[in-house]
PDB file of N, CA and C in Angstrom:
ATOM      1  N   MET A   1      28.710  16.070   1.128  1.00  0.00           N
ATOM      2  CA  MET A   1      27.543  15.842   0.301  1.00  0.00           C
ATOM      3  C   MET A   1      26.890  14.501   0.642  1.00  0.00           C
ATOM      4  N   ARG A   2      27.690  13.516   0.930  1.00  0.00           N
ATOM      5  CA  ARG A   2      27.178  12.190   1.257  1.00  0.00           C
ATOM      6  C   ARG A   2      26.298  12.236   2.506  1.00  0.00           C
ATOM      7  N   TYR A   3      26.664  13.069   3.480  1.00  0.00           N
ATOM      8  CA  TYR A   3      25.896  13.159   4.718  1.00  0.00           C
ATOM      9  C   TYR A   3      24.508  13.725   4.480  1.00  0.00           C
ATOM     10  N   LYS A   4      24.396  14.574   3.493  1.00  0.00           N
ATOM     11  CA  LYS A   4      23.106  15.148   3.152  1.00  0.00           C
ATOM     12  C   LYS A   4      22.140  14.033   2.730  1.00  0.00           C
ATOM     13  N   TYR A   5      22.613  13.110   1.905  1.00  0.00           N
ATOM     14  CA  TYR A   5      21.768  12.012   1.445  1.00  0.00           C
ATOM     15  C   TYR A   5      21.451  11.034   2.567  1.00  0.00           C
ATOM     16  N   VAL A   6      22.393  10.828   3.465  1.00  0.00           N
ATOM     17  CA  VAL A   6      22.152   9.953   4.611  1.00  0.00           C
ATOM     18  C   VAL A   6      21.063  10.544   5.486  1.00  0.00           C
ATOM     19  N   GLY A   7      21.121  11.852   5.709  1.00  0.00           N
ATOM     20  CA  GLY A   7      20.101  12.524   6.521  1.00  0.00           C
ATOM     21  C   GLY A   7      18.721  12.412   5.899  1.00  0.00           C
ATOM     22  N   VAL A   8      18.637  12.622   4.604  1.00  0.00           N
ATOM     23  CA  VAL A   8      17.360  12.494   3.902  1.00  0.00           C
ATOM     24  C   VAL A   8      16.871  11.053   3.992  1.00  0.00           C
ATOM     25  N   GLY A   9      17.768  10.105   3.833  1.00  0.00           N
ATOM     26  CA  GLY A   9      17.395   8.694   3.926  1.00  0.00           C
ATOM     27  C   GLY A   9      16.850   8.334   5.297  1.00  0.00           C
ATOM     28  N   LEU A  10      17.450   8.877   6.338  1.00  0.00           N
ATOM     29  CA  LEU A  10      16.966   8.611   7.691  1.00  0.00           C
ATOM     30  C   LEU A  10      15.576   9.198   7.916  1.00  0.00           C
ATOM     31  N   ILE A  11      15.348  10.375   7.382  1.00  0.00           N
ATOM     32  CA  ILE A  11      14.026  10.986   7.510  1.00  0.00           C
ATOM     33  C   ILE A  11      12.987  10.156   6.775  1.00  0.00           C
ATOM     34  N   VAL A  12      13.298   9.738   5.565  1.00  0.00           N
ATOM     35  CA  VAL A  12      12.371   8.911   4.790  1.00  0.00           C
ATOM     36  C   VAL A  12      12.103   7.596   5.512  1.00  0.00           C
ATOM     37  N   ALA A  13      13.125   6.981   6.042  1.00  0.00           N
ATOM     38  CA  ALA A  13      12.961   5.715   6.769  1.00  0.00           C
ATOM     39  C   ALA A  13      12.102   5.911   8.008  1.00  0.00           C
ATOM     40  N   ALA A  14      12.297   7.008   8.707  1.00  0.00           N
ATOM     41  CA  ALA A  14      11.500   7.277   9.909  1.00  0.00           C
ATOM     42  C   ALA A  14      10.041   7.474   9.555  1.00  0.00           C
ATOM     43  N   LEU A  15       9.788   8.212   8.481  1.00  0.00           N
ATOM     44  CA  LEU A  15       8.406   8.445   8.073  1.00  0.00           C
ATOM     45  C   LEU A  15       7.756   7.189   7.523  1.00  0.00           C
ATOM     46  N   ALA A  16       8.530   6.316   6.921  1.00  0.00           N
ATOM     47  CA  ALA A  16       7.974   5.076   6.369  1.00  0.00           C
ATOM     48  C   ALA A  16       7.402   4.203   7.468  1.00  0.00           C
ATOM     49  N   GLY A  17       7.935   4.302   8.654  1.00  0.00           N
ATOM     50  CA  GLY A  17       7.442   3.514   9.767  1.00  0.00           C
ATOM     51  C   GLY A  17       6.182   4.087  10.382  1.00  0.00           C
ATOM     52  N   CYS A  18       5.837   5.315  10.019  1.00  0.00           N
ATOM     53  CA  CYS A  18       4.636   5.958  10.543  1.00  0.00           C
ATOM     54  C   CYS A  18       3.429   5.549   9.714  1.00  0.00           C
ATOM     55  N   ASP A  19       2.277   5.779  10.269  1.00  0.00           N
ATOM     56  CA  ASP A  19       1.050   5.480   9.542  1.00  0.00           C
ATOM     57  C   ASP A  19       0.498   6.723   8.865  1.00  0.00           C
ATOM     58  N   ILE A  20       1.373   7.582   8.372  1.00  0.00           N
ATOM     59  CA  ILE A  20       0.962   8.777   7.647  1.00  0.00           C
ATOM     60  C   ILE A  20       0.754   8.363   6.199  1.00  0.00           C
ATOM     61  N   PRO A  21      -0.465   8.518   5.688  1.00  0.00           N
ATOM     62  CA  PRO A  21      -0.709   8.122   4.295  1.00  0.00           C
ATOM     63  C   PRO A  21       0.178   8.913   3.333  1.00  0.00           C
ATOM     64  N   PRO A  22       0.430   8.361   2.162  1.00  0.00           N
ATOM     65  CA  PRO A  22       1.255   9.058   1.170  1.00  0.00           C
ATOM     66  C   PRO A  22       0.630  10.393   0.767  1.00  0.00           C
ATOM     67  N   GLN A  23       1.472  11.282   0.294  1.00  0.00           N
ATOM     68  CA  GLN A  23       1.004  12.583  -0.163  1.00  0.00           C
ATOM     69  C   GLN A  23      -0.058  12.391  -1.240  1.00  0.00           C
ATOM     70  N   GLY A  24      -1.124  13.160  -1.155  1.00  0.00           N
ATOM     71  CA  GLY A  24      -2.214  13.054  -2.117  1.00  0.00           C
ATOM     72  C   GLY A  24      -3.282  12.068  -1.716  1.00  0.00           C
ATOM     73  N   THR A  25      -3.102  11.426  -0.542  1.00  0.00           N
ATOM     74  CA  THR A  25      -4.110  10.507  -0.019  1.00  0.00           C
ATOM     75  C   THR A  25      -4.389  10.857   1.434  1.00  0.00           C
ATOM     76  N   ASN A  26      -5.459  10.296   1.966  1.00  0.00           N
ATOM     77  CA  ASN A  26      -5.814  10.527   3.373  1.00  0.00           C
ATOM     78  C   ASN A  26      -6.298   9.222   3.994  1.00  0.00           C
ATOM     79  N   ALA A  27      -6.701   9.300   5.248  1.00  0.00           N
ATOM     80  CA  ALA A  27      -7.133   8.101   5.975  1.00  0.00           C
ATOM     81  C   ALA A  27      -8.333   7.440   5.301  1.00  0.00           C
ATOM     82  N   GLU A  28      -9.225   8.232   4.728  1.00  0.00           N
ATOM     83  CA  GLU A  28     -10.382   7.664   4.038  1.00  0.00           C
ATOM     84  C   GLU A  28      -9.947   6.893   2.793  1.00  0.00           C
ATOM     85  N   ASP A  29      -8.958   7.419   2.075  1.00  0.00           N
ATOM     86  CA  ASP A  29      -8.418   6.701   0.910  1.00  0.00           C
ATOM     87  C   ASP A  29      -7.811   5.370   1.325  1.00  0.00           C
ATOM     88  N   VAL A  30      -7.104   5.369   2.450  1.00  0.00           N
ATOM     89  CA  VAL A  30      -6.494   4.133   2.953  1.00  0.00           C
ATOM     90  C   VAL A  30      -7.586   3.111   3.256  1.00  0.00           C
ATOM     91  N   ALA A  31      -8.634   3.534   3.944  1.00  0.00           N
ATOM     92  CA  ALA A  31      -9.739   2.625   4.292  1.00  0.00           C
ATOM     93  C   ALA A  31     -10.429   2.103   3.028  1.00  0.00           C
ATOM     94  N   ASN A  32     -10.676   2.988   2.057  1.00  0.00           N
ATOM     95  CA  ASN A  32     -11.313   2.570   0.805  1.00  0.00           C
ATOM     96  C   ASN A  32     -10.425   1.597   0.036  1.00  0.00           C
ATOM     97  N   TYR A  33      -9.123   1.849   0.022  1.00  0.00           N
ATOM     98  CA  TYR A  33      -8.161   0.970  -0.638  1.00  0.00           C
ATOM     99  C   TYR A  33      -8.186  -0.415   0.010  1.00  0.00           C
ATOM    100  N   GLN A  34      -8.128  -0.454   1.334  1.00  0.00           N
ATOM    101  CA  GLN A  34      -8.123  -1.735   2.040  1.00  0.00           C
ATOM    102  C   GLN A  34      -9.411  -2.514   1.788  1.00  0.00           C
ATOM    103  N   ALA A  35     -10.545  -1.829   1.784  1.00  0.00           N
ATOM    104  CA  ALA A  35     -11.825  -2.506   1.523  1.00  0.00           C
ATOM    105  C   ALA A  35     -11.871  -3.036   0.088  1.00  0.00           C
ATOM    106  N   ALA A  36     -11.369  -2.247  -0.853  1.00  0.00           N
ATOM    107  CA  ALA A  36     -11.375  -2.672  -2.254  1.00  0.00           C
ATOM    108  C   ALA A  36     -10.459  -3.873  -2.467  1.00  0.00           C
ATOM    109  N   VAL A  37      -9.286  -3.859  -1.847  1.00  0.00           N
ATOM    110  CA  VAL A  37      -8.368  -4.997  -1.978  1.00  0.00           C
ATOM    111  C   VAL A  37      -9.001  -6.243  -1.356  1.00  0.00           C
ATOM    112  N   ALA A  38      -9.647  -6.083  -0.219  1.00  0.00           N
ATOM    113  CA  ALA A  38     -10.315  -7.228   0.421  1.00  0.00           C
ATOM    114  C   ALA A  38     -11.403  -7.795  -0.494  1.00  0.00           C
ATOM    115  N   SER A  39     -12.097  -6.927  -1.221  1.00  0.00           N
ATOM    116  CA  SER A  39     -13.200  -7.377  -2.076  1.00  0.00           C
ATOM    117  C   SER A  39     -12.724  -8.229  -3.257  1.00  0.00           C
ATOM    118  N   ILE A  40     -11.438  -8.114  -3.616  1.00  0.00           N
ATOM    119  CA  ILE A  40     -10.924  -8.925  -4.729  1.00  0.00           C
ATOM    120  C   ILE A  40     -10.096 -10.115  -4.230  1.00  0.00           C
ATOM    121  N   GLY A  41     -10.130 -10.373  -2.928  1.00  0.00           N
ATOM    122  CA  GLY A  41      -9.441 -11.544  -2.397  1.00  0.00           C
ATOM    123  C   GLY A  41      -8.103 -11.263  -1.743  1.00  0.00           C
ATOM    124  N   CYS A  42      -7.796  -9.989  -1.498  1.00  0.00           N
ATOM    125  CA  CYS A  42      -6.620  -9.567  -0.726  1.00  0.00           C
ATOM    126  C   CYS A  42      -5.287  -9.650  -1.459  1.00  0.00           C
ATOM    127  N   VAL A  43      -5.278 -10.133  -2.705  1.00  0.00           N
ATOM    128  CA  VAL A  43      -4.028 -10.247  -3.452  1.00  0.00           C
ATOM    129  C   VAL A  43      -4.174  -9.498  -4.773  1.00  0.00           C
ATOM    130  N   MET A  44      -3.158  -8.693  -5.062  1.00  0.00           N
ATOM    131  CA  MET A  44      -3.114  -7.982  -6.341  1.00  0.00           C
ATOM    132  C   MET A  44      -1.886  -8.463  -7.096  1.00  0.00           C
ATOM    133  N   PHE A  45      -2.124  -8.911  -8.307  1.00  0.00           N
ATOM    134  CA  PHE A  45      -1.030  -9.463  -9.094  1.00  0.00           C
ATOM    135  C   PHE A  45      -0.889  -8.772 -10.453  1.00  0.00           C
ATOM    136  N   SER A  46      -2.005  -8.526 -11.091  1.00  0.00           N
ATOM    137  CA  SER A  46      -1.954  -7.988 -12.450  1.00  0.00           C
ATOM    138  C   SER A  46      -2.908  -6.817 -12.608  1.00  0.00           C
ATOM    139  N   GLU A  47      -2.934  -6.269 -13.803  1.00  0.00           N
ATOM    140  CA  GLU A  47      -3.824  -5.153 -14.129  1.00  0.00           C
ATOM    141  C   GLU A  47      -5.270  -5.481 -13.784  1.00  0.00           C
ATOM    142  N   SER A  48      -5.666  -6.726 -13.993  1.00  0.00           N
ATOM    143  CA  SER A  48      -7.052  -7.115 -13.712  1.00  0.00           C
ATOM    144  C   SER A  48      -7.368  -7.082 -12.223  1.00  0.00           C
ATOM    145  N   ASP A  49      -6.355  -7.011 -11.380  1.00  0.00           N
ATOM    146  CA  ASP A  49      -6.560  -6.868  -9.941  1.00  0.00           C
ATOM    147  C   ASP A  49      -6.509  -5.397  -9.519  1.00  0.00           C
ATOM    148  N   TYR A  50      -5.556  -4.668 -10.066  1.00  0.00           N
ATOM    149  CA  TYR A  50      -5.373  -3.276  -9.664  1.00  0.00           C
ATOM    150  C   TYR A  50      -6.498  -2.371 -10.148  1.00  0.00           C
ATOM    151  N   LEU A  51      -6.993  -2.588 -11.354  1.00  0.00           N
ATOM    152  CA  LEU A  51      -8.030  -1.725 -11.903  1.00  0.00           C
ATOM    153  C   LEU A  51      -9.307  -1.719 -11.057  1.00  0.00           C
ATOM    154  N   PRO A  52      -9.833  -2.876 -10.636  1.00  0.00           N
ATOM    155  CA  PRO A  52     -11.031  -2.837  -9.798  1.00  0.00           C
ATOM    156  C   PRO A  52     -10.786  -2.143  -8.448  1.00  0.00           C
ATOM    157  N   VAL A  53      -9.583  -2.294  -7.909  1.00  0.00           N
ATOM    158  CA  VAL A  53      -9.255  -1.623  -6.651  1.00  0.00           C
ATOM    159  C   VAL A  53      -9.317  -0.110  -6.848  1.00  0.00           C
ATOM    160  N   GLU A  54      -8.715   0.363  -7.932  1.00  0.00           N
ATOM    161  CA  GLU A  54      -8.720   1.796  -8.216  1.00  0.00           C
ATOM    162  C   GLU A  54     -10.140   2.315  -8.412  1.00  0.00           C
ATOM    163  N   LEU A  55     -10.951   1.573  -9.162  1.00  0.00           N
ATOM    164  CA  LEU A  55     -12.314   2.008  -9.422  1.00  0.00           C
ATOM    165  C   LEU A  55     -13.170   2.003  -8.158  1.00  0.00           C
ATOM    166  N   GLN A  56     -13.089   0.933  -7.380  1.00  0.00           N
ATOM    167  CA  GLN A  56     -13.887   0.837  -6.156  1.00  0.00           C
ATOM    168  C   GLN A  56     -13.492   1.886  -5.129  1.00  0.00           C
ATOM    169  N   ALA A  57     -12.192   2.134  -5.017  1.00  0.00           N
ATOM    170  CA  ALA A  57     -11.707   3.070  -3.998  1.00  0.00           C
ATOM    171  C   ALA A  57     -11.714   4.516  -4.483  1.00  0.00           C
ATOM    172  N   GLY A  58     -11.969   4.732  -5.772  1.00  0.00           N
ATOM    173  CA  GLY A  58     -11.971   6.083  -6.309  1.00  0.00           C
ATOM    174  C   GLY A  58     -10.577   6.694  -6.353  1.00  0.00           C
ATOM    175  N   LEU A  59      -9.581   5.875  -6.692  1.00  0.00           N
ATOM    176  CA  LEU A  59      -8.185   6.309  -6.696  1.00  0.00           C
ATOM    177  C   LEU A  59      -7.637   6.402  -8.113  1.00  0.00           C
ATOM    178  N   THR A  60      -6.649   7.259  -8.279  1.00  0.00           N
ATOM    179  CA  THR A  60      -5.903   7.285  -9.531  1.00  0.00           C
ATOM    180  C   THR A  60      -4.872   6.170  -9.484  1.00  0.00           C
ATOM    181  N   ARG A  61      -4.258   5.897 -10.622  1.00  0.00           N
ATOM    182  CA  ARG A  61      -3.197   4.884 -10.669  1.00  0.00           C
ATOM    183  C   ARG A  61      -2.059   5.263  -9.731  1.00  0.00           C
ATOM    184  N   GLU A  62      -1.678   6.540  -9.725  1.00  0.00           N
ATOM    185  CA  GLU A  62      -0.577   7.002  -8.880  1.00  0.00           C
ATOM    186  C   GLU A  62      -0.905   6.830  -7.397  1.00  0.00           C
ATOM    187  N   GLN A  63      -2.140   7.152  -7.015  1.00  0.00           N
ATOM    188  CA  GLN A  63      -2.543   6.982  -5.619  1.00  0.00           C
ATOM    189  C   GLN A  63      -2.543   5.512  -5.229  1.00  0.00           C
ATOM    190  N   SER A  64      -3.033   4.666  -6.116  1.00  0.00           N
ATOM    191  CA  SER A  64      -3.054   3.231  -5.844  1.00  0.00           C
ATOM    192  C   SER A  64      -1.641   2.685  -5.670  1.00  0.00           C
ATOM    193  N   GLN A  65      -0.733   3.106  -6.538  1.00  0.00           N
ATOM    194  CA  GLN A  65       0.651   2.664  -6.424  1.00  0.00           C
ATOM    195  C   GLN A  65       1.282   3.179  -5.134  1.00  0.00           C
ATOM    196  N   ALA A  66       0.996   4.425  -4.790  1.00  0.00           N
ATOM    197  CA  ALA A  66       1.544   4.995  -3.556  1.00  0.00           C
ATOM    198  C   ALA A  66       1.006   4.262  -2.327  1.00  0.00           C
ATOM    199  N   LEU A  67      -0.276   3.923  -2.353  1.00  0.00           N
ATOM    200  CA  LEU A  67      -0.854   3.200  -1.217  1.00  0.00           C
ATOM    201  C   LEU A  67      -0.329   1.769  -1.129  1.00  0.00           C
ATOM    202  N   THR A  68      -0.067   1.150  -2.262  1.00  0.00           N
ATOM    203  CA  THR A  68       0.534  -0.182  -2.242  1.00  0.00           C
ATOM    204  C   THR A  68       1.932  -0.113  -1.629  1.00  0.00           C
ATOM    205  N   SER A  69       2.721   0.858  -2.052  1.00  0.00           N
ATOM    206  CA  SER A  69       4.065   1.044  -1.479  1.00  0.00           C
ATOM    207  C   SER A  69       3.995   1.368   0.006  1.00  0.00           C
ATOM    208  N   PHE A  70       3.036   2.198   0.385  1.00  0.00           N
ATOM    209  CA  PHE A  70       2.826   2.551   1.786  1.00  0.00           C
ATOM    210  C   PHE A  70       2.542   1.300   2.613  1.00  0.00           C
ATOM    211  N   HIS A  71       1.664   0.445   2.130  1.00  0.00           N
ATOM    212  CA  HIS A  71       1.320  -0.772   2.869  1.00  0.00           C
ATOM    213  C   HIS A  71       2.509  -1.731   2.947  1.00  0.00           C
ATOM    214  N   LEU A  72       3.271  -1.829   1.871  1.00  0.00           N
ATOM    215  CA  LEU A  72       4.478  -2.661   1.913  1.00  0.00           C
ATOM    216  C   LEU A  72       5.496  -2.091   2.899  1.00  0.00           C
ATOM    217  N   GLY A  73       5.679  -0.790   2.884  1.00  0.00           N
ATOM    218  CA  GLY A  73       6.662  -0.137   3.747  1.00  0.00           C
ATOM    219  C   GLY A  73       6.312  -0.162   5.222  1.00  0.00           C
ATOM    220  N   THR A  74       5.034  -0.255   5.531  1.00  0.00           N
ATOM    221  CA  THR A  74       4.617  -0.279   6.934  1.00  0.00           C
ATOM    222  C   THR A  74       4.302  -1.689   7.421  1.00  0.00           C
ATOM    223  N   GLY A  75       4.582  -2.691   6.590  1.00  0.00           N
ATOM    224  CA  GLY A  75       4.353  -4.072   7.003  1.00  0.00           C
ATOM    225  C   GLY A  75       2.898  -4.491   6.962  1.00  0.00           C
ATOM    226  N   LYS A  76       2.059  -3.719   6.273  1.00  0.00           N
ATOM    227  CA  LYS A  76       0.637  -4.037   6.171  1.00  0.00           C
ATOM    228  C   LYS A  76       0.329  -4.813   4.895  1.00  0.00           C
ATOM    229  N   ALA A  77       1.385  -5.114   4.156  1.00  0.00           N
ATOM    230  CA  ALA A  77       1.277  -5.929   2.946  1.00  0.00           C
ATOM    231  C   ALA A  77       2.613  -6.620   2.748  1.00  0.00           C
ATOM    232  N   VAL A  78       2.574  -7.725   2.036  1.00  0.00           N
ATOM    233  CA  VAL A  78       3.797  -8.473   1.732  1.00  0.00           C
ATOM    234  C   VAL A  78       3.796  -8.824   0.253  1.00  0.00           C
ATOM    235  N   LYS A  79       4.987  -8.985  -0.280  1.00  0.00           N
ATOM    236  CA  LYS A  79       5.111  -9.447  -1.661  1.00  0.00           C
ATOM    237  C   LYS A  79       4.906 -10.952  -1.684  1.00  0.00           C
ATOM    238  N   THR A  80       4.228 -11.428  -2.702  1.00  0.00           N
ATOM    239  CA  THR A  80       4.007 -12.863  -2.837  1.00  0.00           C
ATOM    240  C   THR A  80       5.119 -13.471  -3.685  1.00  0.00           C
ATOM    241  N   GLU A  81       5.257 -14.774  -3.610  1.00  0.00           N
ATOM    242  CA  GLU A  81       6.274 -15.469  -4.391  1.00  0.00           C
ATOM    243  C   GLU A  81       6.032 -15.306  -5.890  1.00  0.00           C
ATOM    244  N   GLU A  82       4.776 -15.121  -6.267  1.00  0.00           N
ATOM    245  CA  GLU A  82       4.420 -14.984  -7.674  1.00  0.00           C
ATOM    246  C   GLU A  82       4.665 -13.570  -8.209  1.00  0.00           C
ATOM    247  N   GLY A  83       5.033 -12.642  -7.330  1.00  0.00           N
ATOM    248  CA  GLY A  83       5.304 -11.275  -7.758  1.00  0.00           C
ATOM    249  C   GLY A  83       4.186 -10.301  -7.484  1.00  0.00           C
ATOM    250  N   GLY A  84       3.143 -10.740  -6.822  1.00  0.00           N
ATOM    251  CA  GLY A  84       2.036  -9.857  -6.474  1.00  0.00           C
ATOM    252  C   GLY A  84       2.219  -9.265  -5.087  1.00  0.00           C
ATOM    253  N   VAL A  85       1.156  -8.670  -4.593  1.00  0.00           N
ATOM    254  CA  VAL A  85       1.141  -8.065  -3.261  1.00  0.00           C
ATOM    255  C   VAL A  85      -0.086  -8.575  -2.520  1.00  0.00           C
ATOM    256  N   ARG A  86       0.128  -9.023  -1.277  1.00  0.00           N
ATOM    257  CA  ARG A  86      -0.976  -9.488  -0.420  1.00  0.00           C
ATOM    258  C   ARG A  86      -1.118  -8.529   0.748  1.00  0.00           C
ATOM    259  N   LEU A  87      -2.325  -7.975   0.900  1.00  0.00           N
ATOM    260  CA  LEU A  87      -2.622  -7.107   2.029  1.00  0.00           C
ATOM    261  C   LEU A  87      -2.754  -7.968   3.280  1.00  0.00           C
ATOM    262  N   THR A  88      -2.271  -7.473   4.432  1.00  0.00           N
ATOM    263  CA  THR A  88      -2.290  -8.271   5.670  1.00  0.00           C
ATOM    264  C   THR A  88      -2.976  -7.555   6.821  1.00  0.00           C
ATOM    265  N   VAL A  89      -3.821  -6.583   6.523  1.00  0.00           N
ATOM    266  CA  VAL A  89      -4.552  -5.842   7.566  1.00  0.00           C
ATOM    267  C   VAL A  89      -6.035  -5.869   7.263  1.00  0.00           C
ATOM    268  N   GLY A  90      -6.818  -5.425   8.243  1.00  0.00           N
ATOM    269  CA  GLY A  90      -8.267  -5.345   8.057  1.00  0.00           C
ATOM    270  C   GLY A  90      -8.865  -6.708   7.782  1.00  0.00           C
ATOM    271  N   ASP A  91      -9.766  -6.750   6.826  1.00  0.00           N
ATOM    272  CA  ASP A  91     -10.418  -8.013   6.460  1.00  0.00           C
ATOM    273  C   ASP A  91      -9.439  -9.009   5.859  1.00  0.00           C
ATOM    274  N   CYS A  92      -8.274  -8.559   5.453  1.00  0.00           N
ATOM    275  CA  CYS A  92      -7.267  -9.451   4.870  1.00  0.00           C
ATOM    276  C   CYS A  92      -6.316 -10.017   5.918  1.00  0.00           C
ATOM    277  N   ALA A  93      -6.417  -9.578   7.160  1.00  0.00           N
ATOM    278  CA  ALA A  93      -5.495 -10.045   8.203  1.00  0.00           C
ATOM    279  C   ALA A  93      -5.616 -11.538   8.412  1.00  0.00           C
ATOM    280  N   THR A  94      -6.800 -12.082   8.381  1.00  0.00           N
ATOM    281  CA  THR A  94      -6.971 -13.514   8.606  1.00  0.00           C
ATOM    282  C   THR A  94      -6.539 -14.328   7.402  1.00  0.00           C
ATOM    283  N   ASP A  95      -6.550 -13.712   6.210  1.00  0.00           N
ATOM    284  CA  ASP A  95      -6.136 -14.413   4.994  1.00  0.00           C
ATOM    285  C   ASP A  95      -4.617 -14.541   4.894  1.00  0.00           C
ATOM    286  N   ALA A  96      -3.885 -13.743   5.660  1.00  0.00           N
ATOM    287  CA  ALA A  96      -2.431 -13.700   5.538  1.00  0.00           C
ATOM    288  C   ALA A  96      -1.736 -14.918   6.135  1.00  0.00           C
ATOM    289  N   ALA A  97      -2.439 -15.647   6.964  1.00  0.00           N
ATOM    290  CA  ALA A  97      -1.840 -16.802   7.632  1.00  0.00           C
ATOM    291  C   ALA A  97      -1.534 -17.922   6.692  1.00  0.00           C
TER     292      ALA A  97
END
């Protein structure tokens, strides 16, 4: 039984390294998300940051959370010391330094 979970974990890890958007999103959602995050300064920390991203990108809360996890998992975002998330791609790539 343990091997079954290891196999699933390996598949999930392999897919996390790919640039396949999360289920329920597509490449256009990713681009809209990145543009919206850039428009608020590339860092999301609280509800007041996430809500404008969702509204601008036309995303649900679940899609926004999935895209945030996707960006963290693919190295396109990093966690900040304050507990937020900083995007490190697109227009936010230069801000990450």
